[in-house]
C-alpha atoms as a PDB file:
ATOM      1  CA  MET A   1     -32.131 -95.006 -35.050  1.00  0.00           C
ATOM      2  CA  ARG A   2     -30.417 -94.552 -31.735  1.00  0.00           C
ATOM      3  CA  MET A   3     -27.119 -94.008 -33.516  1.00  0.00           C
ATOM      4  CA  GLY A   4     -28.679 -91.347 -35.747  1.00  0.00           C
ATOM      5  CA  THR A   5     -30.224 -89.529 -32.785  1.00  0.00           C
ATOM      6  CA  LEU A   6     -26.951 -89.627 -30.863  1.00  0.00           C
ATOM      7  CA  PHE A   7     -25.138 -88.301 -33.929  1.00  0.00           C
ATOM      8  CA  LEU A   8     -27.612 -85.391 -34.227  1.00  0.00           C
ATOM      9  CA  ILE A   9     -27.235 -84.540 -30.532  1.00  0.00           C
ATOM     10  CA  VAL A  10     -23.434 -84.537 -30.796  1.00  0.00           C
ATOM     11  CA  LEU A  11     -23.639 -82.508 -33.983  1.00  0.00           C
ATOM     12  CA  ALA A  12     -25.936 -79.973 -32.285  1.00  0.00           C
ATOM     13  CA  LEU A  13     -23.618 -79.771 -29.255  1.00  0.00           C
ATOM     14  CA  ILE A  14     -20.747 -78.907 -31.591  1.00  0.00           C
ATOM     15  CA  ALA A  15     -22.640 -76.765 -34.101  1.00  0.00           C
ATOM     16  CA  LEU A  16     -24.482 -74.501 -31.636  1.00  0.00           C
ATOM     17  CA  PRO A  17     -21.376 -73.227 -29.771  1.00  0.00           C
ATOM     18  CA  LEU A  18     -19.546 -72.929 -33.089  1.00  0.00           C
ATOM     19  CA  ALA A  19     -22.410 -70.891 -34.555  1.00  0.00           C
ATOM     20  CA  TRP A  20     -22.411 -68.714 -31.437  1.00  0.00           C
ATOM     21  CA  LEU A  21     -18.636 -68.130 -31.734  1.00  0.00           C
ATOM     22  CA  ILE A  22     -18.985 -67.221 -35.390  1.00  0.00           C
ATOM     23  CA  GLY A  23     -21.856 -64.858 -34.590  1.00  0.00           C
ATOM     24  CA  CYS A  24     -19.870 -63.120 -31.818  1.00  0.00           C
ATOM     25  CA  TYR A  25     -16.831 -62.776 -34.024  1.00  0.00           C
ATOM     26  CA  ASN A  26     -18.901 -61.366 -36.876  1.00  0.00           C
ATOM     27  CA  GLN A  27     -20.502 -58.785 -34.573  1.00  0.00           C
ATOM     28  CA  ILE A  28     -17.074 -57.676 -33.370  1.00  0.00           C
ATOM     29  CA  VAL A  29     -15.775 -57.420 -36.945  1.00  0.00           C
ATOM     30  CA  LYS A  30     -18.864 -55.471 -38.022  1.00  0.00           C
ATOM     31  CA  LEU A  31     -18.432 -52.912 -35.246  1.00  0.00           C
ATOM     32  CA  ARG A  32     -14.688 -52.652 -35.876  1.00  0.00           C
ATOM     33  CA  ASN A  33     -15.412 -51.897 -39.535  1.00  0.00           C
ATOM     34  CA  LEU A  34     -18.038 -49.327 -38.564  1.00  0.00           C
ATOM     35  CA  MET A  35     -15.445 -47.656 -36.314  1.00  0.00           C
ATOM     36  CA  GLU A  36     -12.935 -47.540 -39.154  1.00  0.00           C
ATOM     37  CA  ASP A  37     -15.575 -46.084 -41.453  1.00  0.00           C
ATOM     38  CA  ALA A  38     -16.499 -43.512 -38.824  1.00  0.00           C
ATOM     39  CA  TRP A  39     -12.841 -42.600 -38.323  1.00  0.00           C
ATOM     40  CA  SER A  40     -12.460 -42.046 -42.056  1.00  0.00           C
ATOM     41  CA  GLY A  41     -15.360 -39.571 -41.793  1.00  0.00           C
ATOM     42  CA  ILE A  42     -13.408 -37.649 -39.159  1.00  0.00           C
ATOM     43  CA  GLU A  43     -10.303 -37.709 -41.342  1.00  0.00           C
ATOM     44  CA  VAL A  44     -12.271 -36.298 -44.294  1.00  0.00           C
ATOM     45  CA  GLN A  45     -13.523 -33.392 -42.184  1.00  0.00           C
ATOM     46  CA  LEU A  46     -10.059 -32.751 -40.751  1.00  0.00           C
ATOM     47  CA  LYS A  47      -8.646 -32.715 -44.288  1.00  0.00           C
ATOM     48  CA  ARG A  48     -11.306 -30.217 -45.388  1.00  0.00           C
ATOM     49  CA  ARG A  49     -10.488 -28.121 -42.331  1.00  0.00           C
ATOM     50  CA  HIS A  50      -6.776 -28.166 -43.090  1.00  0.00           C
ATOM     51  CA  GLU A  51      -7.394 -27.229 -46.727  1.00  0.00           C
ATOM     52  CA  LEU A  52      -9.390 -24.131 -45.712  1.00  0.00           C
ATOM     53  CA  ILE A  53      -7.016 -22.847 -43.060  1.00  0.00           C
ATOM     54  CA  PRO A  54      -4.124 -21.783 -45.354  1.00  0.00           C
ATOM     55  CA  ALA A  55      -6.490 -19.593 -47.388  1.00  0.00           C
ATOM     56  CA  LEU A  56      -7.843 -18.068 -44.192  1.00  0.00           C
ATOM     57  CA  VAL A  57      -4.321 -17.535 -42.902  1.00  0.00           C
ATOM     58  CA  GLN A  58      -3.243 -15.896 -46.152  1.00  0.00           C
ATOM     59  CA  ILE A  59      -6.025 -13.342 -45.898  1.00  0.00           C
ATOM     60  CA  ALA A  60      -5.536 -12.798 -42.168  1.00  0.00           C
ATOM     61  CA  ASP A  61      -1.772 -12.504 -42.625  1.00  0.00           C
ATOM     62  CA  ARG A  62      -2.250  -9.102 -44.240  1.00  0.00           C
ATOM     63  CA  TYR A  63      -3.889  -7.843 -41.057  1.00  0.00           C
ATOM     64  CA  ALA A  64      -2.412  -9.841 -38.213  1.00  0.00           C
ATOM     65  CA  HIS A  65       0.969 -11.195 -39.263  1.00  0.00           C
ATOM     66  CA  HIS A  66       2.003 -12.806 -35.964  1.00  0.00           C
ATOM     67  CA  GLU A  67      -1.220 -14.722 -35.306  1.00  0.00           C
ATOM     68  CA  ALA A  68      -1.415 -16.020 -38.856  1.00  0.00           C
ATOM     69  CA  GLU A  69       2.197 -17.177 -38.743  1.00  0.00           C
ATOM     70  CA  VAL A  70       1.604 -19.198 -35.565  1.00  0.00           C
ATOM     71  CA  LEU A  71      -1.471 -20.807 -37.089  1.00  0.00           C
ATOM     72  CA  LEU A  72       0.300 -21.600 -40.350  1.00  0.00           C
ATOM     73  CA  ASN A  73       3.163 -23.275 -38.469  1.00  0.00           C
ATOM     74  CA  THR A  74       0.653 -25.419 -36.588  1.00  0.00           C
ATOM     75  CA  VAL A  75      -1.028 -26.471 -39.823  1.00  0.00           C
ATOM     76  CA  LYS A  76       2.328 -27.331 -41.404  1.00  0.00           C
ATOM     77  CA  SER A  77       3.394 -29.445 -38.429  1.00  0.00           C
ATOM     78  CA  ARG A  78       0.034 -31.265 -38.455  1.00  0.00           C
ATOM     79  CA  GLN A  79       0.348 -32.057 -42.161  1.00  0.00           C
ATOM     80  CA  GLN A  80       3.824 -33.508 -41.701  1.00  0.00           C
ATOM     81  CA  SER A  81       2.909 -35.944 -38.938  1.00  0.00           C
ATOM     82  CA  PRO A  82       1.268 -39.273 -39.775  1.00  0.00           C
ATOM     83  CA  PRO A  83      -2.367 -39.643 -38.716  1.00  0.00           C
ATOM     84  CA  ASP A  84      -2.473 -41.045 -35.194  1.00  0.00           C
ATOM     85  CA  ARG A  85      -5.750 -40.852 -33.340  1.00  0.00           C
ATOM     86  CA  SER A  86      -4.341 -39.799 -29.984  1.00  0.00           C
ATOM     87  CA  LYS A  87      -1.964 -37.215 -31.515  1.00  0.00           C
ATOM     88  CA  THR A  88      -4.699 -35.942 -33.826  1.00  0.00           C
ATOM     89  CA  GLN A  89      -6.989 -35.288 -30.890  1.00  0.00           C
ATOM     90  CA  LYS A  90      -4.467 -33.084 -29.063  1.00  0.00           C
ATOM     91  CA  GLU A  91      -3.280 -31.282 -32.209  1.00  0.00           C
ATOM     92  CA  GLU A  92      -6.824 -30.482 -33.275  1.00  0.00           C
ATOM     93  CA  GLN A  93      -7.603 -29.079 -29.827  1.00  0.00           C
ATOM     94  CA  VAL A  94      -4.618 -26.739 -30.121  1.00  0.00           C
ATOM     95  CA  LEU A  95      -5.614 -25.793 -33.660  1.00  0.00           C
ATOM     96  CA  SER A  96      -9.166 -25.019 -32.512  1.00  0.00           C
ATOM     97  CA  GLY A  97      -7.793 -22.683 -29.884  1.00  0.00           C
ATOM     98  CA  GLN A  98      -5.614 -20.944 -32.439  1.00  0.00           C
ATOM     99  CA  LEU A  99      -8.545 -20.568 -34.808  1.00  0.00           C
ATOM    100  CA  ARG A 100     -10.520 -18.929 -32.010  1.00  0.00           C
ATOM    101  CA  GLN A 101      -7.596 -16.551 -31.492  1.00  0.00           C
ATOM    102  CA  LEU A 102      -7.508 -15.778 -35.198  1.00  0.00           C
ATOM    103  CA  PHE A 103     -11.240 -15.064 -35.280  1.00  0.00           C
ATOM    104  CA  ALA A 104     -10.890 -12.873 -32.193  1.00  0.00           C
ATOM    105  CA  GLN A 105      -8.082 -11.038 -33.963  1.00  0.00           C
ATOM    106  CA  ALA A 106     -10.349 -10.593 -36.983  1.00  0.00           C
ATOM    107  CA  GLU A 107     -12.870  -8.863 -34.720  1.00  0.00           C
ATOM    108  CA  ALA A 108     -10.148  -6.352 -33.816  1.00  0.00           C
ATOM    109  CA  HIS A 109      -9.435  -5.568 -37.476  1.00  0.00           C
ATOM    110  CA  PRO A 110     -12.473  -3.953 -39.128  1.00  0.00           C
ATOM    111  CA  ASP A 111     -10.994  -4.350 -42.631  1.00  0.00           C
ATOM    112  CA  LEU A 112     -10.491  -8.074 -42.126  1.00  0.00           C
ATOM    113  CA  LYS A 113     -13.921  -8.480 -40.563  1.00  0.00           C
ATOM    114  CA  ALA A 114     -15.435  -6.868 -43.669  1.00  0.00           C
ATOM    115  CA  ASN A 115     -13.342  -8.854 -46.165  1.00  0.00           C
ATOM    116  CA  GLN A 116     -15.809 -10.965 -48.176  1.00  0.00           C
ATOM    117  CA  GLN A 117     -13.264 -13.660 -48.962  1.00  0.00           C
ATOM    118  CA  PHE A 118     -12.369 -13.991 -45.280  1.00  0.00           C
ATOM    119  CA  LEU A 119     -16.038 -14.145 -44.312  1.00  0.00           C
ATOM    120  CA  HIS A 120     -16.746 -16.786 -46.964  1.00  0.00           C
ATOM    121  CA  ILE A 121     -13.883 -19.011 -45.822  1.00  0.00           C
ATOM    122  CA  GLN A 122     -14.843 -18.441 -42.191  1.00  0.00           C
ATOM    123  CA  LYS A 123     -18.396 -19.640 -42.965  1.00  0.00           C
ATOM    124  CA  GLN A 124     -17.032 -22.702 -44.762  1.00  0.00           C
ATOM    125  CA  LEU A 125     -14.833 -23.418 -41.763  1.00  0.00           C
ATOM    126  CA  VAL A 126     -17.832 -23.147 -39.427  1.00  0.00           C
ATOM    127  CA  ASP A 127     -19.668 -25.648 -41.650  1.00  0.00           C
ATOM    128  CA  VAL A 128     -16.679 -28.000 -41.540  1.00  0.00           C
ATOM    129  CA  GLU A 129     -16.560 -27.685 -37.732  1.00  0.00           C
ATOM    130  CA  HIS A 130     -20.227 -28.679 -37.611  1.00  0.00           C
ATOM    131  CA  ASP A 131     -19.617 -31.659 -39.910  1.00  0.00           C
ATOM    132  CA  LEU A 132     -16.592 -32.615 -37.828  1.00  0.00           C
ATOM    133  CA  GLN A 133     -18.703 -32.641 -34.669  1.00  0.00           C
ATOM    134  CA  MET A 134     -21.258 -34.891 -36.383  1.00  0.00           C
ATOM    135  CA  ALA A 135     -18.494 -37.246 -37.577  1.00  0.00           C
ATOM    136  CA  ARG A 136     -17.011 -37.304 -34.067  1.00  0.00           C
ATOM    137  CA  ARG A 137     -20.385 -38.172 -32.547  1.00  0.00           C
ATOM    138  CA  TYR A 138     -20.874 -40.984 -35.048  1.00  0.00           C
ATOM    139  CA  PHE A 139     -17.378 -42.331 -34.392  1.00  0.00           C
ATOM    140  CA  ASN A 140     -17.862 -42.175 -30.621  1.00  0.00           C
ATOM    141  CA  GLY A 141     -21.207 -43.955 -30.995  1.00  0.00           C
ATOM    142  CA  THR A 142     -19.555 -46.806 -32.870  1.00  0.00           C
ATOM    143  CA  VAL A 143     -16.785 -46.924 -30.257  1.00  0.00           C
ATOM    144  CA  ARG A 144     -19.426 -47.079 -27.500  1.00  0.00           C
ATOM    145  CA  ASN A 145     -21.212 -49.952 -29.266  1.00  0.00           C
ATOM    146  CA  HIS A 146     -17.943 -51.795 -29.876  1.00  0.00           C
ATOM    147  CA  ASN A 147     -16.807 -51.395 -26.277  1.00  0.00           C
ATOM    148  CA  THR A 148     -20.200 -52.432 -24.931  1.00  0.00           C
ATOM    149  CA  LEU A 149     -20.181 -55.558 -27.076  1.00  0.00           C
ATOM    150  CA  ILE A 150     -16.681 -56.706 -26.166  1.00  0.00           C
ATOM    151  CA  GLN A 151     -17.240 -55.987 -22.464  1.00  0.00           C
ATOM    152  CA  SER A 152     -20.597 -57.787 -22.287  1.00  0.00           C
ATOM    153  CA  PHE A 153     -21.128 -61.390 -21.351  1.00  0.00           C
ATOM    154  CA  PRO A 154     -20.682 -63.728 -23.136  1.00  0.00           C
ATOM    155  CA  THR A 155     -19.023 -61.875 -26.038  1.00  0.00           C
ATOM    156  CA  PHE A 156     -16.158 -60.696 -23.836  1.00  0.00           C
ATOM    157  CA  ILE A 157     -14.949 -64.321 -23.743  1.00  0.00           C
ATOM    158  CA  VAL A 158     -14.420 -64.299 -27.502  1.00  0.00           C
ATOM    159  CA  ALA A 159     -12.928 -60.789 -27.449  1.00  0.00           C
ATOM    160  CA  LYS A 160     -10.518 -61.740 -24.668  1.00  0.00           C
ATOM    161  CA  HIS A 161      -9.292 -64.841 -26.510  1.00  0.00           C
ATOM    162  CA  LEU A 162      -8.851 -62.838 -29.721  1.00  0.00           C
ATOM    163  CA  ASN A 163      -7.053 -60.072 -27.790  1.00  0.00           C
ATOM    164  CA  ILE A 164      -9.570 -57.444 -28.918  1.00  0.00           C
ATOM    165  CA  ARG A 165      -9.269 -54.315 -26.848  1.00  0.00           C
ATOM    166  CA  SER A 166     -11.605 -51.459 -26.107  1.00  0.00           C
ATOM    167  CA  ALA A 167     -11.315 -48.507 -28.467  1.00  0.00           C
ATOM    168  CA  GLU A 168     -10.761 -44.928 -27.335  1.00  0.00           C
ATOM    169  CA  PHE A 169     -13.280 -42.178 -27.856  1.00  0.00           C
ATOM    170  CA  PHE A 170     -12.280 -39.156 -29.929  1.00  0.00           C
ATOM    171  CA  GLU A 171     -12.755 -36.364 -27.437  1.00  0.00           C
ATOM    172  CA  PHE A 172     -12.646 -33.054 -29.179  1.00  0.00           C
ATOM    173  CA  GLU A 173     -13.161 -30.379 -26.602  1.00  0.00           C
ATOM    174  CA  PRO A 174     -11.446 -27.131 -27.512  1.00  0.00           C
ATOM    175  CA  ASP A 175      -8.366 -26.415 -25.454  1.00  0.00           C
ATOM    176  CA  SER A 176      -9.502 -24.026 -22.705  1.00  0.00           C
ATOM    177  CA  SER A 177      -5.991 -22.681 -22.132  1.00  0.00           C
ATOM    178  CA  GLN A 178      -6.050 -20.848 -25.449  1.00  0.00           C
END
């Protein structure tokens, strides 16, 4: 009986830390997957945004050739570069500033401001911007949870040994220099 009790104690001393390690690892994996899912939500909204802009530019081009050309070049350069979170953040800030310029230009052109197609696409773009903000908030929430978990004791021990790093937030404040 003593041998059986000793065996159970040894088994518990091995099984409990192992179960804890597995639990920590699974939490980290779960949050990493949630972050990837959240990032895909941002990518979907960015894709929708980039699909609407050429139509908006085409209409605006009739009224404000220079501004539309600058915007179109930005969209083309964005579509050619591979998705990289840090590059995407900066490029989207620039694009937001250029969209604001385009909408300001539309205010200066009464015909464009009254164009139903332009107004429809502009409304769709506003809806996409709203959805993009929601996707960004969700992504940043998952990043916050992930970072909190891997920086908290005792999970940071597992994260450190697995070389799991903190994730970066997707800050999407419009470029104020535009």
